[in-house]
Amino acid sequence: MPAPIQDGPRPSKPPGEPITPQQRDHLVQKAIRSSRPDSSTNIRELPSVHKVEEMHTMCDPKPGMNIVHVGEMLGLRVLIDDAVVSFSKEDRQRFILENRQGLEHFATVLHACASIYRMSSQAVHIFYDTSGETVAFNRSHHGSLFFNYRFFKQFGHLDMVQQGNKADPINSWALTMAHELTHNVEASHNTRFQNLMQAINERHTFRIYEIAKGGGAQPSPPSPTTMKPSSVRPPPPGPHQQQQQQQQPAKKVSYYQPLKR
């Protein structure tokens, strides 16, 4: 078994320095381009606290993380808190099979969110834990984005998708993804971070609305060499279902505030 990987916090740029519109546009593009996949089988990050220099009374706590790779769902890697499953292959497969439908729905939503920012969905990962407030995180130094399946269920998004409403979950997780993308260029939650995240949201507002309204793009199937029994794509809708979808009026999309990390 490979040794756990430990990462430290990334240094922030001086928060008080203003940036020009050209610099902002460059950072927005860099935030998206810097995302990359993570192939680790075990990710361990120790808790840390980062002081926000421009807000002397505020600190950015970063919770610890110890998750292990258990499989794939629609091409997205799935990692689980090591307190939930053992390292046995049977336990890992059992978790995937027991949560197959919910993980498929979450993966479909995340694929749609990645398409909003025209980024590779290979940089997007699913993880699951049983406690804590980490909705999503950006792995230090890597630009790999991780999204918590537990909150997908806790926020009621799984129920929404099962009832045919993908618009609100896509909209909500797209803004969460913008939050994590911003961490590719700014580590702490300072004014620079807020301005850059706002710029990412503003640039992609129309795409968020269009893709959420359309229910998201269908993800590409995983390659035969990496396909797991639980990663088979659901069948496309039949002609009758397509006709019903066309007759339904477009759903109104409500824009959520960025989710707390």
C-alpha atoms as a PDB file:
ATOM      1  CA  MET A   1       0.000   0.000   0.000  1.00  0.00           C
ATOM      2  CA  PRO A   2       1.476   3.401  -0.940  1.00  0.00           C
ATOM      3  CA  ALA A   3       2.278   5.822   1.833  1.00  0.00           C
ATOM      4  CA  PRO A   4      -0.342   8.542   2.482  1.00  0.00           C
ATOM      5  CA  ILE A   5       0.286  11.825   0.695  1.00  0.00           C
ATOM      6  CA  GLN A   6       0.483  14.903   2.858  1.00  0.00           C
ATOM      7  CA  ASP A   7       0.095  18.386   1.478  1.00  0.00           C
ATOM      8  CA  GLY A   8       0.701  21.767   3.056  1.00  0.00           C
ATOM      9  CA  PRO A   9      -1.185  25.021   2.541  1.00  0.00           C
ATOM     10  CA  ARG A  10      -0.424  27.107  -0.533  1.00  0.00           C
ATOM     11  CA  PRO A  11       0.851  30.648   0.004  1.00  0.00           C
ATOM     12  CA  SER A  12      -1.538  33.440  -0.952  1.00  0.00           C
ATOM     13  CA  LYS A  13      -0.614  36.430  -3.056  1.00  0.00           C
ATOM     14  CA  PRO A  14      -0.540  39.801  -1.257  1.00  0.00           C
ATOM     15  CA  PRO A  15      -4.297  40.475  -0.780  1.00  0.00           C
ATOM     16  CA  GLY A  16      -4.047  44.244  -0.680  1.00  0.00           C
ATOM     17  CA  GLU A  17      -2.683  44.663  -4.196  1.00  0.00           C
ATOM     18  CA  PRO A  18      -5.383  45.718  -6.708  1.00  0.00           C
ATOM     19  CA  ILE A  19      -5.575  43.856  -9.999  1.00  0.00           C
ATOM     20  CA  THR A  20      -6.424  45.217 -13.421  1.00  0.00           C
ATOM     21  CA  PRO A  21      -9.281  43.842 -15.547  1.00  0.00           C
ATOM     22  CA  GLN A  22      -6.679  42.163 -17.763  1.00  0.00           C
ATOM     23  CA  GLN A  23      -5.053  40.485 -14.778  1.00  0.00           C
ATOM     24  CA  ARG A  24      -8.434  39.401 -13.498  1.00  0.00           C
ATOM     25  CA  ASP A  25      -9.332  37.814 -16.842  1.00  0.00           C
ATOM     26  CA  HIS A  26      -5.976  36.033 -16.899  1.00  0.00           C
ATOM     27  CA  LEU A  27      -6.520  34.678 -13.374  1.00  0.00           C
ATOM     28  CA  VAL A  28     -10.025  33.490 -14.244  1.00  0.00           C
ATOM     29  CA  GLN A  29      -8.641  31.493 -17.179  1.00  0.00           C
ATOM     30  CA  LYS A  30      -5.745  30.220 -15.080  1.00  0.00           C
ATOM     31  CA  ALA A  31      -8.135  29.079 -12.345  1.00  0.00           C
ATOM     32  CA  ILE A  32      -9.959  26.853 -14.837  1.00  0.00           C
ATOM     33  CA  ARG A  33      -6.874  25.633 -16.732  1.00  0.00           C
ATOM     34  CA  SER A  34      -5.041  24.690 -13.530  1.00  0.00           C
ATOM     35  CA  SER A  35      -7.472  21.904 -12.632  1.00  0.00           C
ATOM     36  CA  ARG A  36      -6.130  18.377 -13.045  1.00  0.00           C
ATOM     37  CA  PRO A  37      -7.023  14.796 -12.091  1.00  0.00           C
ATOM     38  CA  ASP A  38      -5.723  13.048  -8.993  1.00  0.00           C
ATOM     39  CA  SER A  39      -4.864   9.349  -9.238  1.00  0.00           C
ATOM     40  CA  SER A  40      -3.939   8.812  -5.582  1.00  0.00           C
ATOM     41  CA  THR A  41      -5.364   5.743  -3.870  1.00  0.00           C
ATOM     42  CA  ASN A  42      -5.107   7.364  -0.438  1.00  0.00           C
ATOM     43  CA  ILE A  43      -5.307  11.090   0.292  1.00  0.00           C
ATOM     44  CA  ARG A  44      -4.401  12.338   3.734  1.00  0.00           C
ATOM     45  CA  GLU A  45      -4.323  16.008   4.636  1.00  0.00           C
ATOM     46  CA  LEU A  46      -3.719  17.226   8.162  1.00  0.00           C
ATOM     47  CA  PRO A  47      -5.870  19.974   9.745  1.00  0.00           C
ATOM     48  CA  SER A  48      -4.457  23.492   9.455  1.00  0.00           C
ATOM     49  CA  VAL A  49      -5.394  27.115  10.134  1.00  0.00           C
ATOM     50  CA  HIS A  50      -4.428  29.905   7.732  1.00  0.00           C
ATOM     51  CA  LYS A  51      -4.599  33.507   8.910  1.00  0.00           C
ATOM     52  CA  VAL A  52      -6.285  35.948   6.533  1.00  0.00           C
ATOM     53  CA  GLU A  53      -3.830  38.842   6.646  1.00  0.00           C
ATOM     54  CA  GLU A  54      -6.250  41.603   5.636  1.00  0.00           C
ATOM     55  CA  MET A  55      -8.716  40.492   8.335  1.00  0.00           C
ATOM     56  CA  HIS A  56      -6.644  40.226  11.494  1.00  0.00           C
ATOM     57  CA  THR A  57      -9.457  38.644  13.514  1.00  0.00           C
ATOM     58  CA  MET A  58     -10.285  35.987  10.930  1.00  0.00           C
ATOM     59  CA  CYS A  59      -8.649  32.615  10.292  1.00  0.00           C
ATOM     60  CA  ASP A  60      -9.321  30.048   7.593  1.00  0.00           C
ATOM     61  CA  PRO A  61      -9.591  26.608   9.231  1.00  0.00           C
ATOM     62  CA  LYS A  62      -8.874  23.618   7.000  1.00  0.00           C
ATOM     63  CA  PRO A  63     -10.201  20.273   8.293  1.00  0.00           C
ATOM     64  CA  GLY A  64      -8.199  17.092   8.100  1.00  0.00           C
ATOM     65  CA  MET A  65      -8.965  14.524   5.416  1.00  0.00           C
ATOM     66  CA  ASN A  66      -8.205  10.825   5.062  1.00  0.00           C
ATOM     67  CA  ILE A  67      -9.996   9.209   2.134  1.00  0.00           C
ATOM     68  CA  VAL A  68      -9.345   6.114   0.031  1.00  0.00           C
ATOM     69  CA  HIS A  69     -10.205   5.308  -3.577  1.00  0.00           C
ATOM     70  CA  VAL A  70     -13.033   2.760  -3.893  1.00  0.00           C
ATOM     71  CA  GLY A  71     -14.035   2.879  -7.558  1.00  0.00           C
ATOM     72  CA  GLU A  72     -15.450   5.025 -10.342  1.00  0.00           C
ATOM     73  CA  MET A  73     -18.863   6.317 -11.331  1.00  0.00           C
ATOM     74  CA  LEU A  74     -19.502   7.558 -14.888  1.00  0.00           C
ATOM     75  CA  GLY A  75     -15.772   8.161 -15.222  1.00  0.00           C
ATOM     76  CA  LEU A  76     -15.390  10.108 -11.951  1.00  0.00           C
ATOM     77  CA  ARG A  77     -13.196   8.684  -9.209  1.00  0.00           C
ATOM     78  CA  VAL A  78     -14.982   7.969  -5.915  1.00  0.00           C
ATOM     79  CA  LEU A  79     -13.154   8.186  -2.588  1.00  0.00           C
ATOM     80  CA  ILE A  80     -14.544   7.335   0.850  1.00  0.00           C
ATOM     81  CA  ASP A  81     -13.490   8.266   4.369  1.00  0.00           C
ATOM     82  CA  ASP A  82     -11.379   5.382   5.627  1.00  0.00           C
ATOM     83  CA  ALA A  83     -13.589   5.222   8.728  1.00  0.00           C
ATOM     84  CA  VAL A  84     -16.527   4.181   6.524  1.00  0.00           C
ATOM     85  CA  VAL A  85     -15.027   1.260   4.604  1.00  0.00           C
ATOM     86  CA  SER A  86     -12.147  -1.106   5.193  1.00  0.00           C
ATOM     87  CA  PHE A  87      -9.376  -1.620   2.673  1.00  0.00           C
ATOM     88  CA  SER A  88     -10.938  -4.856   1.420  1.00  0.00           C
ATOM     89  CA  LYS A  89     -12.033  -4.943  -2.195  1.00  0.00           C
ATOM     90  CA  GLU A  90     -15.387  -6.432  -1.200  1.00  0.00           C
ATOM     91  CA  ASP A  91     -16.232  -3.524   1.130  1.00  0.00           C
ATOM     92  CA  ARG A  92     -15.398  -0.958  -1.528  1.00  0.00           C
ATOM     93  CA  GLN A  93     -17.501  -2.665  -4.185  1.00  0.00           C
ATOM     94  CA  ARG A  94     -20.380  -3.048  -1.731  1.00  0.00           C
ATOM     95  CA  PHE A  95     -20.452   0.702  -1.034  1.00  0.00           C
ATOM     96  CA  ILE A  96     -20.516   1.518  -4.758  1.00  0.00           C
ATOM     97  CA  LEU A  97     -23.302  -0.984  -5.439  1.00  0.00           C
ATOM     98  CA  GLU A  98     -25.437   0.131  -2.479  1.00  0.00           C
ATOM     99  CA  ASN A  99     -25.185   3.788  -3.511  1.00  0.00           C
ATOM    100  CA  ARG A 100     -25.110   3.275  -7.263  1.00  0.00           C
ATOM    101  CA  GLN A 101     -28.181   5.290  -8.226  1.00  0.00           C
ATOM    102  CA  GLY A 102     -27.363   8.269  -6.007  1.00  0.00           C
ATOM    103  CA  LEU A 103     -23.724   8.363  -7.120  1.00  0.00           C
ATOM    104  CA  GLU A 104     -24.804   8.194 -10.769  1.00  0.00           C
ATOM    105  CA  HIS A 105     -27.085  11.199 -10.267  1.00  0.00           C
ATOM    106  CA  PHE A 106     -24.334  13.141  -8.482  1.00  0.00           C
ATOM    107  CA  ALA A 107     -21.798  12.287 -11.195  1.00  0.00           C
ATOM    108  CA  THR A 108     -24.231  13.465 -13.885  1.00  0.00           C
ATOM    109  CA  VAL A 109     -24.679  16.801 -12.082  1.00  0.00           C
ATOM    110  CA  LEU A 110     -20.905  17.246 -11.701  1.00  0.00           C
ATOM    111  CA  HIS A 111     -20.316  16.417 -15.386  1.00  0.00           C
ATOM    112  CA  ALA A 112     -22.808  19.171 -16.258  1.00  0.00           C
ATOM    113  CA  CYS A 113     -21.022  21.624 -13.953  1.00  0.00           C
ATOM    114  CA  ALA A 114     -17.637  20.839 -15.527  1.00  0.00           C
ATOM    115  CA  SER A 115     -19.109  21.479 -18.978  1.00  0.00           C
ATOM    116  CA  ILE A 116     -20.245  24.930 -17.806  1.00  0.00           C
ATOM    117  CA  TYR A 117     -16.607  25.942 -17.266  1.00  0.00           C
ATOM    118  CA  ARG A 118     -15.384  23.972 -20.296  1.00  0.00           C
ATOM    119  CA  MET A 119     -13.005  22.049 -18.093  1.00  0.00           C
ATOM    120  CA  SER A 120     -12.108  18.377 -18.114  1.00  0.00           C
ATOM    121  CA  SER A 121     -14.336  16.328 -15.825  1.00  0.00           C
ATOM    122  CA  GLN A 122     -11.273  14.211 -15.041  1.00  0.00           C
ATOM    123  CA  ALA A 123     -10.310  16.930 -12.555  1.00  0.00           C
ATOM    124  CA  VAL A 124     -13.597  16.335 -10.704  1.00  0.00           C
ATOM    125  CA  HIS A 125     -13.821  13.718  -7.954  1.00  0.00           C
ATOM    126  CA  ILE A 126     -16.531  12.475  -5.597  1.00  0.00           C
ATOM    127  CA  PHE A 127     -15.881  11.791  -1.938  1.00  0.00           C
ATOM    128  CA  TYR A 128     -18.013  10.720   0.996  1.00  0.00           C
ATOM    129  CA  ASP A 129     -17.658  11.112   4.752  1.00  0.00           C
ATOM    130  CA  THR A 130     -20.034  10.774   7.683  1.00  0.00           C
ATOM    131  CA  SER A 131     -19.416  14.014   9.602  1.00  0.00           C
ATOM    132  CA  GLY A 132     -17.957  17.500   9.273  1.00  0.00           C
ATOM    133  CA  GLU A 133     -18.816  20.610   7.251  1.00  0.00           C
ATOM    134  CA  THR A 134     -16.659  20.053   4.145  1.00  0.00           C
ATOM    135  CA  VAL A 135     -18.984  20.398   1.170  1.00  0.00           C
ATOM    136  CA  ALA A 136     -16.060  20.425  -1.268  1.00  0.00           C
ATOM    137  CA  PHE A 137     -12.326  21.007  -1.307  1.00  0.00           C
ATOM    138  CA  ASN A 138      -9.470  21.735  -3.674  1.00  0.00           C
ATOM    139  CA  ARG A 139      -6.475  19.569  -2.924  1.00  0.00           C
ATOM    140  CA  SER A 140      -3.459  21.687  -2.029  1.00  0.00           C
ATOM    141  CA  HIS A 141      -0.875  22.092  -4.820  1.00  0.00           C
ATOM    142  CA  HIS A 142      -2.869  19.808  -7.132  1.00  0.00           C
ATOM    143  CA  GLY A 143      -5.873  21.721  -8.483  1.00  0.00           C
ATOM    144  CA  SER A 144      -7.974  18.564  -8.055  1.00  0.00           C
ATOM    145  CA  LEU A 145     -11.583  19.228  -7.051  1.00  0.00           C
ATOM    146  CA  PHE A 146     -13.512  17.000  -4.635  1.00  0.00           C
ATOM    147  CA  PHE A 147     -17.264  17.176  -3.947  1.00  0.00           C
ATOM    148  CA  ASN A 148     -19.084  15.551  -1.040  1.00  0.00           C
ATOM    149  CA  TYR A 149     -21.816  13.057  -1.914  1.00  0.00           C
ATOM    150  CA  ARG A 150     -23.155  13.296   1.648  1.00  0.00           C
ATOM    151  CA  PHE A 151     -24.175  16.931   1.099  1.00  0.00           C
ATOM    152  CA  PHE A 152     -25.692  16.101  -2.283  1.00  0.00           C
ATOM    153  CA  LYS A 153     -28.140  13.972  -0.299  1.00  0.00           C
ATOM    154  CA  GLN A 154     -28.347  16.259   2.737  1.00  0.00           C
ATOM    155  CA  PHE A 155     -29.284  19.337   0.681  1.00  0.00           C
ATOM    156  CA  GLY A 156     -32.134  17.373  -0.894  1.00  0.00           C
ATOM    157  CA  HIS A 157     -30.522  17.425  -4.341  1.00  0.00           C
ATOM    158  CA  LEU A 158     -30.754  13.653  -4.781  1.00  0.00           C
ATOM    159  CA  ASP A 159     -34.513  13.824  -4.202  1.00  0.00           C
ATOM    160  CA  MET A 160     -34.785  16.740  -6.662  1.00  0.00           C
ATOM    161  CA  VAL A 161     -32.986  14.843  -9.425  1.00  0.00           C
ATOM    162  CA  GLN A 162     -35.064  11.724  -8.835  1.00  0.00           C
ATOM    163  CA  GLN A 163     -38.179  13.895  -9.210  1.00  0.00           C
ATOM    164  CA  GLY A 164     -36.910  15.270 -12.531  1.00  0.00           C
ATOM    165  CA  ASN A 165     -35.452  18.579 -11.308  1.00  0.00           C
ATOM    166  CA  LYS A 166     -31.769  18.796 -12.269  1.00  0.00           C
ATOM    167  CA  ALA A 167     -31.771  22.580 -12.684  1.00  0.00           C
ATOM    168  CA  ASP A 168     -31.446  23.582  -9.037  1.00  0.00           C
ATOM    169  CA  PRO A 169     -28.780  20.976  -8.135  1.00  0.00           C
ATOM    170  CA  ILE A 170     -26.699  21.870 -11.210  1.00  0.00           C
ATOM    171  CA  ASN A 171     -26.975  25.559 -10.424  1.00  0.00           C
ATOM    172  CA  SER A 172     -25.970  25.061  -6.797  1.00  0.00           C
ATOM    173  CA  TRP A 173     -23.011  22.751  -7.450  1.00  0.00           C
ATOM    174  CA  ALA A 174     -21.810  24.930 -10.344  1.00  0.00           C
ATOM    175  CA  LEU A 175     -21.359  27.794  -7.881  1.00  0.00           C
ATOM    176  CA  THR A 176     -19.606  25.445  -5.468  1.00  0.00           C
ATOM    177  CA  MET A 177     -17.307  24.406  -8.318  1.00  0.00           C
ATOM    178  CA  ALA A 178     -16.551  28.084  -9.035  1.00  0.00           C
ATOM    179  CA  HIS A 179     -15.565  28.437  -5.379  1.00  0.00           C
ATOM    180  CA  GLU A 180     -13.114  25.544  -5.631  1.00  0.00           C
ATOM    181  CA  LEU A 181     -11.762  26.705  -8.995  1.00  0.00           C
ATOM    182  CA  THR A 182     -10.942  30.059  -7.418  1.00  0.00           C
ATOM    183  CA  HIS A 183      -8.715  28.232  -4.943  1.00  0.00           C
ATOM    184  CA  ASN A 184      -6.465  27.310  -7.895  1.00  0.00           C
ATOM    185  CA  VAL A 185      -5.220  30.910  -7.861  1.00  0.00           C
ATOM    186  CA  GLU A 186      -6.027  32.116  -4.327  1.00  0.00           C
ATOM    187  CA  ALA A 187      -5.658  29.960  -1.216  1.00  0.00           C
ATOM    188  CA  SER A 188      -7.508  31.951   1.453  1.00  0.00           C
ATOM    189  CA  HIS A 189     -10.967  33.527   1.559  1.00  0.00           C
ATOM    190  CA  ASN A 190      -9.815  37.135   1.317  1.00  0.00           C
ATOM    191  CA  THR A 191     -11.069  40.032  -0.803  1.00  0.00           C
ATOM    192  CA  ARG A 192      -9.069  38.898  -3.824  1.00  0.00           C
ATOM    193  CA  PHE A 193     -10.698  35.477  -3.577  1.00  0.00           C
ATOM    194  CA  GLN A 194     -14.204  36.983  -3.415  1.00  0.00           C
ATOM    195  CA  ASN A 195     -13.527  39.241  -6.423  1.00  0.00           C
ATOM    196  CA  LEU A 196     -12.126  36.411  -8.543  1.00  0.00           C
ATOM    197  CA  MET A 197     -14.953  34.039  -7.646  1.00  0.00           C
ATOM    198  CA  GLN A 198     -17.460  36.733  -8.569  1.00  0.00           C
ATOM    199  CA  ALA A 199     -15.670  37.205 -11.903  1.00  0.00           C
ATOM    200  CA  ILE A 200     -15.876  33.470 -12.641  1.00  0.00           C
ATOM    201  CA  ASN A 201     -19.586  33.433 -11.810  1.00  0.00           C
ATOM    202  CA  GLU A 202     -20.327  36.523 -13.891  1.00  0.00           C
ATOM    203  CA  ARG A 203     -18.476  35.166 -16.922  1.00  0.00           C
ATOM    204  CA  HIS A 204     -20.407  31.896 -16.810  1.00  0.00           C
ATOM    205  CA  THR A 205     -23.850  33.064 -15.643  1.00  0.00           C
ATOM    206  CA  PHE A 206     -25.504  32.425 -19.010  1.00  0.00           C
ATOM    207  CA  ARG A 207     -23.942  28.961 -19.371  1.00  0.00           C
ATOM    208  CA  ILE A 208     -25.035  28.044 -15.842  1.00  0.00           C
ATOM    209  CA  TYR A 209     -28.596  29.025 -16.724  1.00  0.00           C
ATOM    210  CA  GLU A 210     -28.632  27.294 -20.122  1.00  0.00           C
ATOM    211  CA  ILE A 211     -27.066  24.017 -18.973  1.00  0.00           C
ATOM    212  CA  ALA A 212     -29.113  23.896 -15.768  1.00  0.00           C
ATOM    213  CA  LYS A 213     -32.304  24.574 -17.735  1.00  0.00           C
ATOM    214  CA  GLY A 214     -31.439  21.795 -20.167  1.00  0.00           C
ATOM    215  CA  GLY A 215     -30.666  19.327 -17.390  1.00  0.00           C
ATOM    216  CA  GLY A 216     -26.956  19.091 -18.193  1.00  0.00           C
ATOM    217  CA  ALA A 217     -24.949  17.413 -20.910  1.00  0.00           C
ATOM    218  CA  GLN A 218     -24.657  13.638 -20.902  1.00  0.00           C
ATOM    219  CA  PRO A 219     -21.179  12.530 -19.758  1.00  0.00           C
ATOM    220  CA  SER A 220     -18.992  10.385 -21.974  1.00  0.00           C
ATOM    221  CA  PRO A 221     -18.854   6.736 -20.887  1.00  0.00           C
ATOM    222  CA  PRO A 222     -15.662   5.556 -19.189  1.00  0.00           C
ATOM    223  CA  SER A 223     -13.183   3.595 -21.257  1.00  0.00           C
ATOM    224  CA  PRO A 224     -13.521  -0.224 -21.218  1.00  0.00           C
ATOM    225  CA  THR A 225     -10.286  -0.550 -19.233  1.00  0.00           C
ATOM    226  CA  THR A 226     -11.577   1.550 -16.338  1.00  0.00           C
ATOM    227  CA  MET A 227     -15.295   0.748 -16.411  1.00  0.00           C
ATOM    228  CA  LYS A 228     -16.661  -0.723 -13.184  1.00  0.00           C
ATOM    229  CA  PRO A 229     -19.943  -2.651 -12.909  1.00  0.00           C
ATOM    230  CA  SER A 230     -21.367   0.399 -11.147  1.00  0.00           C
ATOM    231  CA  SER A 231     -20.277   2.883 -13.805  1.00  0.00           C
ATOM    232  CA  VAL A 232     -22.589   1.831 -16.635  1.00  0.00           C
ATOM    233  CA  ARG A 233     -24.501   4.766 -18.091  1.00  0.00           C
ATOM    234  CA  PRO A 234     -28.283   4.713 -17.717  1.00  0.00           C
ATOM    235  CA  PRO A 235     -30.178   4.166 -20.995  1.00  0.00           C
ATOM    236  CA  PRO A 236     -31.198   7.289 -22.942  1.00  0.00           C
ATOM    237  CA  PRO A 237     -34.852   8.364 -22.741  1.00  0.00           C
ATOM    238  CA  GLY A 238     -37.226   6.805 -25.237  1.00  0.00           C
ATOM    239  CA  PRO A 239     -39.252   8.767 -27.834  1.00  0.00           C
ATOM    240  CA  HIS A 240     -42.246   9.050 -25.470  1.00  0.00           C
ATOM    241  CA  GLN A 241     -40.065  10.439 -22.672  1.00  0.00           C
ATOM    242  CA  GLN A 242     -38.397  12.876 -25.080  1.00  0.00           C
ATOM    243  CA  GLN A 243     -41.806  14.144 -26.200  1.00  0.00           C
ATOM    244  CA  GLN A 244     -42.854  14.669 -22.570  1.00  0.00           C
ATOM    245  CA  GLN A 245     -39.626  16.568 -21.858  1.00  0.00           C
ATOM    246  CA  GLN A 246     -40.225  18.854 -24.850  1.00  0.00           C
ATOM    247  CA  GLN A 247     -43.754  19.639 -23.665  1.00  0.00           C
ATOM    248  CA  GLN A 248     -42.632  20.608 -20.164  1.00  0.00           C
ATOM    249  CA  PRO A 249     -42.040  24.351 -19.626  1.00  0.00           C
ATOM    250  CA  ALA A 250     -38.518  25.479 -18.763  1.00  0.00           C
ATOM    251  CA  LYS A 251     -37.850  25.451 -15.040  1.00  0.00           C
ATOM    252  CA  LYS A 252     -37.018  28.707 -13.337  1.00  0.00           C
ATOM    253  CA  VAL A 253     -33.479  28.631 -11.979  1.00  0.00           C
ATOM    254  CA  SER A 254     -32.838  30.210  -8.601  1.00  0.00           C
ATOM    255  CA  TYR A 255     -29.266  31.335  -8.042  1.00  0.00           C
ATOM    256  CA  TYR A 256     -27.889  30.121  -4.747  1.00  0.00           C
ATOM    257  CA  GLN A 257     -25.182  31.783  -2.696  1.00  0.00           C
ATOM    258  CA  PRO A 258     -21.832  29.910  -2.871  1.00  0.00           C
ATOM    259  CA  LEU A 259     -21.870  26.981  -0.482  1.00  0.00           C
ATOM    260  CA  LYS A 260     -19.788  26.980   2.697  1.00  0.00           C
ATOM    261  CA  ARG A 261     -16.684  24.814   2.368  1.00  0.00           C
END
